[in-house]
Amino acid sequence: SAQYPLTPVQTSAVLDASRAGSPIKVGYVAYHQFVGYSRNALAQAFRSFYYAGVQELVVDLRYNGGGSVTVARDLASM
């Protein structure tokens, strides 16, 4: 057997976009597993979105294999 490091919050970024000709900030987070030890990384990503003034959010769950319902609830409440 072997241990493989997992990175549930694969990517988070603040992107510049526009809506109806007005500039907006978009937060993007790629989230790959609903596991308990990802809470700090999620909180850090959402904190950076808050301080950047993010107005829209993209949550990329394409490669998410599922996991804890509690963590999924926490993400949904953020």
PDB file of N, CA and C in Angstrom:
ATOM      1  N   SER A   1       0.829  -1.176   0.000  1.00  0.00           N
ATOM      2  CA  SER A   1       0.000   0.000   0.000  1.00  0.00           C
ATOM      3  C   SER A   1       0.876   1.243   0.000  1.00  0.00           C
ATOM      4  N   ALA A   2       0.283   2.344  -0.393  1.00  0.00           N
ATOM      5  CA  ALA A   2       1.008   3.614  -0.452  1.00  0.00           C
ATOM      6  C   ALA A   2       0.062   4.732  -0.065  1.00  0.00           C
ATOM      7  N   GLN A   3       0.636   5.831   0.331  1.00  0.00           N
ATOM      8  CA  GLN A   3      -0.166   7.004   0.649  1.00  0.00           C
ATOM      9  C   GLN A   3       0.051   8.040  -0.440  1.00  0.00           C
ATOM     10  N   TYR A   4      -1.057   8.615  -0.908  1.00  0.00           N
ATOM     11  CA  TYR A   4      -0.995   9.629  -1.946  1.00  0.00           C
ATOM     12  C   TYR A   4      -1.586  10.917  -1.400  1.00  0.00           C
ATOM     13  N   PRO A   5      -0.846  12.010  -1.486  1.00  0.00           N
ATOM     14  CA  PRO A   5      -1.399  13.279  -0.998  1.00  0.00           C
ATOM     15  C   PRO A   5      -2.540  13.743  -1.914  1.00  0.00           C
ATOM     16  N   LEU A   6      -3.628  14.126  -1.305  1.00  0.00           N
ATOM     17  CA  LEU A   6      -4.791  14.608  -2.059  1.00  0.00           C
ATOM     18  C   LEU A   6      -4.924  16.105  -1.865  1.00  0.00           C
ATOM     19  N   THR A   7      -5.380  16.767  -2.881  1.00  0.00           N
ATOM     20  CA  THR A   7      -5.576  18.208  -2.834  1.00  0.00           C
ATOM     21  C   THR A   7      -7.033  18.488  -3.209  1.00  0.00           C
ATOM     22  N   PRO A   8      -7.941  18.461  -2.223  1.00  0.00           N
ATOM     23  CA  PRO A   8      -9.362  18.653  -2.532  1.00  0.00           C
ATOM     24  C   PRO A   8      -9.667  19.990  -3.200  1.00  0.00           C
ATOM     25  N   VAL A   9      -9.024  21.074  -2.729  1.00  0.00           N
ATOM     26  CA  VAL A   9      -9.211  22.374  -3.376  1.00  0.00           C
ATOM     27  C   VAL A   9      -8.076  22.486  -4.388  1.00  0.00           C
ATOM     28  N   GLN A  10      -8.364  22.039  -5.605  1.00  0.00           N
ATOM     29  CA  GLN A  10      -7.333  21.969  -6.633  1.00  0.00           C
ATOM     30  C   GLN A  10      -6.877  23.353  -7.083  1.00  0.00           C
ATOM     31  N   THR A  11      -7.829  24.247  -7.306  1.00  0.00           N
ATOM     32  CA  THR A  11      -7.524  25.586  -7.801  1.00  0.00           C
ATOM     33  C   THR A  11      -8.528  26.569  -7.233  1.00  0.00           C
ATOM     34  N   SER A  12      -8.046  27.745  -6.885  1.00  0.00           N
ATOM     35  CA  SER A  12      -8.954  28.854  -6.583  1.00  0.00           C
ATOM     36  C   SER A  12      -8.328  30.114  -7.156  1.00  0.00           C
ATOM     37  N   ALA A  13      -9.175  30.959  -7.736  1.00  0.00           N
ATOM     38  CA  ALA A  13      -8.666  32.158  -8.391  1.00  0.00           C
ATOM     39  C   ALA A  13      -9.754  33.220  -8.423  1.00  0.00           C
ATOM     40  N   VAL A  14      -9.315  34.456  -8.520  1.00  0.00           N
ATOM     41  CA  VAL A  14     -10.237  35.584  -8.723  1.00  0.00           C
ATOM     42  C   VAL A  14     -10.000  36.078 -10.140  1.00  0.00           C
ATOM     43  N   LEU A  15     -11.066  36.090 -10.931  1.00  0.00           N
ATOM     44  CA  LEU A  15     -10.980  36.461 -12.335  1.00  0.00           C
ATOM     45  C   LEU A  15     -11.722  37.766 -12.583  1.00  0.00           C
ATOM     46  N   ASP A  16     -11.226  38.528 -13.524  1.00  0.00           N
ATOM     47  CA  ASP A  16     -11.914  39.752 -13.941  1.00  0.00           C
ATOM     48  C   ASP A  16     -12.820  39.421 -15.118  1.00  0.00           C
ATOM     49  N   ALA A  17     -14.042  39.901 -15.062  1.00  0.00           N
ATOM     50  CA  ALA A  17     -15.014  39.678 -16.128  1.00  0.00           C
ATOM     51  C   ALA A  17     -15.870  40.930 -16.254  1.00  0.00           C
ATOM     52  N   SER A  18     -16.854  40.867 -17.124  1.00  0.00           N
ATOM     53  CA  SER A  18     -17.784  41.993 -17.231  1.00  0.00           C
ATOM     54  C   SER A  18     -19.193  41.464 -17.429  1.00  0.00           C
ATOM     55  N   ARG A  19     -20.147  42.224 -16.917  1.00  0.00           N
ATOM     56  CA  ARG A  19     -21.559  41.900 -17.075  1.00  0.00           C
ATOM     57  C   ARG A  19     -22.245  43.194 -17.481  1.00  0.00           C
ATOM     58  N   ALA A  20     -22.888  43.162 -18.631  1.00  0.00           N
ATOM     59  CA  ALA A  20     -23.585  44.337 -19.163  1.00  0.00           C
ATOM     60  C   ALA A  20     -22.634  45.532 -19.255  1.00  0.00           C
ATOM     61  N   GLY A  21     -21.394  45.264 -19.647  1.00  0.00           N
ATOM     62  CA  GLY A  21     -20.414  46.323 -19.818  1.00  0.00           C
ATOM     63  C   GLY A  21     -19.751  46.813 -18.547  1.00  0.00           C
ATOM     64  N   SER A  22     -20.156  46.290 -17.399  1.00  0.00           N
ATOM     65  CA  SER A  22     -19.560  46.697 -16.117  1.00  0.00           C
ATOM     66  C   SER A  22     -18.579  45.628 -15.633  1.00  0.00           C
ATOM     67  N   PRO A  23     -17.418  46.035 -15.144  1.00  0.00           N
ATOM     68  CA  PRO A  23     -16.456  45.044 -14.651  1.00  0.00           C
ATOM     69  C   PRO A  23     -16.930  44.404 -13.344  1.00  0.00           C
ATOM     70  N   ILE A  24     -16.709  43.103 -13.235  1.00  0.00           N
ATOM     71  CA  ILE A  24     -17.038  42.367 -12.002  1.00  0.00           C
ATOM     72  C   ILE A  24     -15.891  41.420 -11.679  1.00  0.00           C
ATOM     73  N   LYS A  25     -15.850  40.951 -10.452  1.00  0.00           N
ATOM     74  CA  LYS A  25     -14.887  39.951  -9.997  1.00  0.00           C
ATOM     75  C   LYS A  25     -15.618  38.613  -9.874  1.00  0.00           C
ATOM     76  N   VAL A  26     -15.000  37.558 -10.405  1.00  0.00           N
ATOM     77  CA  VAL A  26     -15.580  36.218 -10.362  1.00  0.00           C
ATOM     78  C   VAL A  26     -14.623  35.314  -9.603  1.00  0.00           C
ATOM     79  N   GLY A  27     -15.136  34.608  -8.611  1.00  0.00           N
ATOM     80  CA  GLY A  27     -14.340  33.633  -7.882  1.00  0.00           C
ATOM     81  C   GLY A  27     -14.500  32.273  -8.529  1.00  0.00           C
ATOM     82  N   TYR A  28     -13.404  31.549  -8.691  1.00  0.00           N
ATOM     83  CA  TYR A  28     -13.424  30.209  -9.278  1.00  0.00           C
ATOM     84  C   TYR A  28     -12.737  29.257  -8.310  1.00  0.00           C
ATOM     85  N   VAL A  29     -13.407  28.148  -8.007  1.00  0.00           N
ATOM     86  CA  VAL A  29     -12.798  27.128  -7.157  1.00  0.00           C
ATOM     87  C   VAL A  29     -13.098  25.757  -7.764  1.00  0.00           C
ATOM     88  N   ALA A  30     -12.031  24.961  -7.956  1.00  0.00           N
ATOM     89  CA  ALA A  30     -12.158  23.577  -8.413  1.00  0.00           C
ATOM     90  C   ALA A  30     -12.035  22.702  -7.175  1.00  0.00           C
ATOM     91  N   TYR A  31     -13.107  21.997  -6.859  1.00  0.00           N
ATOM     92  CA  TYR A  31     -13.174  21.230  -5.616  1.00  0.00           C
ATOM     93  C   TYR A  31     -13.343  19.757  -5.944  1.00  0.00           C
ATOM     94  N   HIS A  32     -12.387  18.906  -5.534  1.00  0.00           N
ATOM     95  CA  HIS A  32     -12.367  17.524  -5.982  1.00  0.00           C
ATOM     96  C   HIS A  32     -12.847  16.488  -4.977  1.00  0.00           C
ATOM     97  N   GLN A  33     -12.946  16.813  -3.699  1.00  0.00           N
ATOM     98  CA  GLN A  33     -13.416  15.823  -2.730  1.00  0.00           C
ATOM     99  C   GLN A  33     -14.048  16.510  -1.530  1.00  0.00           C
ATOM    100  N   PHE A  34     -15.179  15.996  -1.118  1.00  0.00           N
ATOM    101  CA  PHE A  34     -15.843  16.497   0.091  1.00  0.00           C
ATOM    102  C   PHE A  34     -15.278  15.735   1.297  1.00  0.00           C
ATOM    103  N   VAL A  35     -14.104  16.162   1.756  1.00  0.00           N
ATOM    104  CA  VAL A  35     -13.458  15.519   2.903  1.00  0.00           C
ATOM    105  C   VAL A  35     -13.237  16.551   4.001  1.00  0.00           C
ATOM    106  N   GLY A  36     -13.242  16.091   5.236  1.00  0.00           N
ATOM    107  CA  GLY A  36     -13.151  16.977   6.389  1.00  0.00           C
ATOM    108  C   GLY A  36     -11.900  17.827   6.429  1.00  0.00           C
ATOM    109  N   TYR A  37     -10.774  17.270   6.007  1.00  0.00           N
ATOM    110  CA  TYR A  37      -9.535  18.037   6.088  1.00  0.00           C
ATOM    111  C   TYR A  37      -9.433  19.132   5.021  1.00  0.00           C
ATOM    112  N   SER A  38     -10.445  19.271   4.177  1.00  0.00           N
ATOM    113  CA  SER A  38     -10.438  20.339   3.173  1.00  0.00           C
ATOM    114  C   SER A  38     -11.089  21.622   3.675  1.00  0.00           C
ATOM    115  N   ARG A  39     -11.659  21.591   4.854  1.00  0.00           N
ATOM    116  CA  ARG A  39     -12.378  22.767   5.371  1.00  0.00           C
ATOM    117  C   ARG A  39     -11.502  24.016   5.433  1.00  0.00           C
ATOM    118  N   ASN A  40     -10.267  23.879   5.896  1.00  0.00           N
ATOM    119  CA  ASN A  40      -9.383  25.044   5.997  1.00  0.00           C
ATOM    120  C   ASN A  40      -9.059  25.622   4.633  1.00  0.00           C
ATOM    121  N   ALA A  41      -8.787  24.760   3.646  1.00  0.00           N
ATOM    122  CA  ALA A  41      -8.482  25.241   2.296  1.00  0.00           C
ATOM    123  C   ALA A  41      -9.694  25.925   1.679  1.00  0.00           C
ATOM    124  N   LEU A  42     -10.889  25.376   1.911  1.00  0.00           N
ATOM    125  CA  LEU A  42     -12.110  26.018   1.414  1.00  0.00           C
ATOM    126  C   LEU A  42     -12.317  27.371   2.073  1.00  0.00           C
ATOM    127  N   ALA A  43     -12.143  27.420   3.376  1.00  0.00           N
ATOM    128  CA  ALA A  43     -12.317  28.682   4.100  1.00  0.00           C
ATOM    129  C   ALA A  43     -11.327  29.723   3.608  1.00  0.00           C
ATOM    130  N   GLN A  44     -10.098  29.317   3.351  1.00  0.00           N
ATOM    131  CA  GLN A  44      -9.082  30.239   2.856  1.00  0.00           C
ATOM    132  C   GLN A  44      -9.452  30.762   1.467  1.00  0.00           C
ATOM    133  N   ALA A  45      -9.937  29.883   0.593  1.00  0.00           N
ATOM    134  CA  ALA A  45     -10.345  30.301  -0.751  1.00  0.00           C
ATOM    135  C   ALA A  45     -11.488  31.311  -0.672  1.00  0.00           C
ATOM    136  N   PHE A  46     -12.494  31.036   0.156  1.00  0.00           N
ATOM    137  CA  PHE A  46     -13.639  31.937   0.255  1.00  0.00           C
ATOM    138  C   PHE A  46     -13.275  33.237   0.960  1.00  0.00           C
ATOM    139  N   ARG A  47     -12.325  33.174   1.870  1.00  0.00           N
ATOM    140  CA  ARG A  47     -11.831  34.399   2.498  1.00  0.00           C
ATOM    141  C   ARG A  47     -11.158  35.298   1.457  1.00  0.00           C
ATOM    142  N   SER A  48     -10.358  34.704   0.584  1.00  0.00           N
ATOM    143  CA  SER A  48      -9.706  35.494  -0.464  1.00  0.00           C
ATOM    144  C   SER A  48     -10.745  36.067  -1.428  1.00  0.00           C
ATOM    145  N   PHE A  49     -11.819  35.339  -1.690  1.00  0.00           N
ATOM    146  CA  PHE A  49     -12.897  35.866  -2.532  1.00  0.00           C
ATOM    147  C   PHE A  49     -13.544  37.080  -1.874  1.00  0.00           C
ATOM    148  N   TYR A  50     -13.769  36.971  -0.589  1.00  0.00           N
ATOM    149  CA  TYR A  50     -14.394  38.072   0.153  1.00  0.00           C
ATOM    150  C   TYR A  50     -13.524  39.335   0.087  1.00  0.00           C
ATOM    151  N   TYR A  51     -12.241  39.180   0.377  1.00  0.00           N
ATOM    152  CA  TYR A  51     -11.339  40.336   0.401  1.00  0.00           C
ATOM    153  C   TYR A  51     -11.095  40.909  -0.996  1.00  0.00           C
ATOM    154  N   ALA A  52     -11.269  40.099  -2.028  1.00  0.00           N
ATOM    155  CA  ALA A  52     -11.099  40.588  -3.402  1.00  0.00           C
ATOM    156  C   ALA A  52     -12.369  41.248  -3.930  1.00  0.00           C
ATOM    157  N   GLY A  53     -13.463  41.134  -3.183  1.00  0.00           N
ATOM    158  CA  GLY A  53     -14.721  41.747  -3.616  1.00  0.00           C
ATOM    159  C   GLY A  53     -15.437  40.947  -4.695  1.00  0.00           C
ATOM    160  N   VAL A  54     -15.337  39.633  -4.632  1.00  0.00           N
ATOM    161  CA  VAL A  54     -15.971  38.766  -5.624  1.00  0.00           C
ATOM    162  C   VAL A  54     -17.486  38.937  -5.589  1.00  0.00           C
ATOM    163  N   GLN A  55     -18.067  39.045  -6.794  1.00  0.00           N
ATOM    164  CA  GLN A  55     -19.520  39.231  -6.923  1.00  0.00           C
ATOM    165  C   GLN A  55     -20.220  37.995  -7.480  1.00  0.00           C
ATOM    166  N   GLU A  56     -19.502  37.174  -8.219  1.00  0.00           N
ATOM    167  CA  GLU A  56     -20.040  35.950  -8.814  1.00  0.00           C
ATOM    168  C   GLU A  56     -19.119  34.798  -8.434  1.00  0.00           C
ATOM    169  N   LEU A  57     -19.649  33.565  -8.471  1.00  0.00           N
ATOM    170  CA  LEU A  57     -18.866  32.408  -8.053  1.00  0.00           C
ATOM    171  C   LEU A  57     -19.078  31.241  -9.007  1.00  0.00           C
ATOM    172  N   VAL A  58     -17.985  30.575  -9.358  1.00  0.00           N
ATOM    173  CA  VAL A  58     -18.029  29.345 -10.144  1.00  0.00           C
ATOM    174  C   VAL A  58     -17.430  28.250  -9.272  1.00  0.00           C
ATOM    175  N   VAL A  59     -18.214  27.208  -8.987  1.00  0.00           N
ATOM    176  CA  VAL A  59     -17.731  26.059  -8.222  1.00  0.00           C
ATOM    177  C   VAL A  59     -17.646  24.889  -9.194  1.00  0.00           C
ATOM    178  N   ASP A  60     -16.442  24.475  -9.506  1.00  0.00           N
ATOM    179  CA  ASP A  60     -16.179  23.418 -10.479  1.00  0.00           C
ATOM    180  C   ASP A  60     -16.124  22.085  -9.736  1.00  0.00           C
ATOM    181  N   LEU A  61     -17.128  21.244  -9.954  1.00  0.00           N
ATOM    182  CA  LEU A  61     -17.211  19.933  -9.297  1.00  0.00           C
ATOM    183  C   LEU A  61     -17.027  18.788 -10.291  1.00  0.00           C
ATOM    184  N   ARG A  62     -16.422  19.067 -11.432  1.00  0.00           N
ATOM    185  CA  ARG A  62     -16.341  18.052 -12.496  1.00  0.00           C
ATOM    186  C   ARG A  62     -15.691  16.748 -12.066  1.00  0.00           C
ATOM    187  N   TYR A  63     -14.621  16.778 -11.317  1.00  0.00           N
ATOM    188  CA  TYR A  63     -13.919  15.548 -10.950  1.00  0.00           C
ATOM    189  C   TYR A  63     -14.132  15.187  -9.488  1.00  0.00           C
ATOM    190  N   ASN A  64     -15.217  15.683  -8.904  1.00  0.00           N
ATOM    191  CA  ASN A  64     -15.488  15.441  -7.498  1.00  0.00           C
ATOM    192  C   ASN A  64     -16.074  14.049  -7.324  1.00  0.00           C
ATOM    193  N   GLY A  65     -15.440  13.268  -6.486  1.00  0.00           N
ATOM    194  CA  GLY A  65     -15.894  11.903  -6.253  1.00  0.00           C
ATOM    195  C   GLY A  65     -16.869  11.766  -5.102  1.00  0.00           C
ATOM    196  N   GLY A  66     -17.296  12.885  -4.521  1.00  0.00           N
ATOM    197  CA  GLY A  66     -18.246  12.818  -3.419  1.00  0.00           C
ATOM    198  C   GLY A  66     -17.529  12.791  -2.085  1.00  0.00           C
ATOM    199  N   GLY A  67     -18.246  12.348  -1.061  1.00  0.00           N
ATOM    200  CA  GLY A  67     -17.656  12.276   0.269  1.00  0.00           C
ATOM    201  C   GLY A  67     -18.633  12.698   1.344  1.00  0.00           C
ATOM    202  N   SER A  68     -18.188  13.528   2.239  1.00  0.00           N
ATOM    203  CA  SER A  68     -18.937  13.916   3.430  1.00  0.00           C
ATOM    204  C   SER A  68     -20.084  14.869   3.101  1.00  0.00           C
ATOM    205  N   VAL A  69     -21.274  14.496   3.532  1.00  0.00           N
ATOM    206  CA  VAL A  69     -22.445  15.355   3.352  1.00  0.00           C
ATOM    207  C   VAL A  69     -22.304  16.623   4.194  1.00  0.00           C
ATOM    208  N   THR A  70     -21.680  16.518   5.343  1.00  0.00           N
ATOM    209  CA  THR A  70     -21.470  17.684   6.207  1.00  0.00           C
ATOM    210  C   THR A  70     -20.590  18.721   5.522  1.00  0.00           C
ATOM    211  N   VAL A  71     -19.529  18.277   4.879  1.00  0.00           N
ATOM    212  CA  VAL A  71     -18.639  19.207   4.180  1.00  0.00           C
ATOM    213  C   VAL A  71     -19.357  19.807   2.968  1.00  0.00           C
ATOM    214  N   ALA A  72     -20.169  19.009   2.275  1.00  0.00           N
ATOM    215  CA  ALA A  72     -20.958  19.528   1.154  1.00  0.00           C
ATOM    216  C   ALA A  72     -21.915  20.615   1.634  1.00  0.00           C
ATOM    217  N   ARG A  73     -22.523  20.401   2.776  1.00  0.00           N
ATOM    218  CA  ARG A  73     -23.418  21.409   3.362  1.00  0.00           C
ATOM    219  C   ARG A  73     -22.652  22.680   3.706  1.00  0.00           C
ATOM    220  N   ASP A  74     -21.455  22.520   4.279  1.00  0.00           N
ATOM    221  CA  ASP A  74     -20.621  23.673   4.618  1.00  0.00           C
ATOM    222  C   ASP A  74     -20.260  24.480   3.370  1.00  0.00           C
ATOM    223  N   LEU A  75     -19.899  23.794   2.305  1.00  0.00           N
ATOM    224  CA  LEU A  75     -19.587  24.483   1.046  1.00  0.00           C
ATOM    225  C   LEU A  75     -20.809  25.230   0.524  1.00  0.00           C
ATOM    226  N   ALA A  76     -21.956  24.591   0.559  1.00  0.00           N
ATOM    227  CA  ALA A  76     -23.182  25.230   0.070  1.00  0.00           C
ATOM    228  C   ALA A  76     -23.543  26.459   0.886  1.00  0.00           C
ATOM    229  N   SER A  77     -23.206  26.474   2.172  1.00  0.00           N
ATOM    230  CA  SER A  77     -23.546  27.628   3.011  1.00  0.00           C
ATOM    231  C   SER A  77     -22.559  28.762   2.875  1.00  0.00           C
ATOM    232  N   MET A  78     -21.412  28.512   2.250  1.00  0.00           N
ATOM    233  CA  MET A  78     -20.427  29.586   2.077  1.00  0.00           C
ATOM    234  C   MET A  78     -20.874  30.517   0.988  1.00  0.00           C
TER     235      MET A  78
END
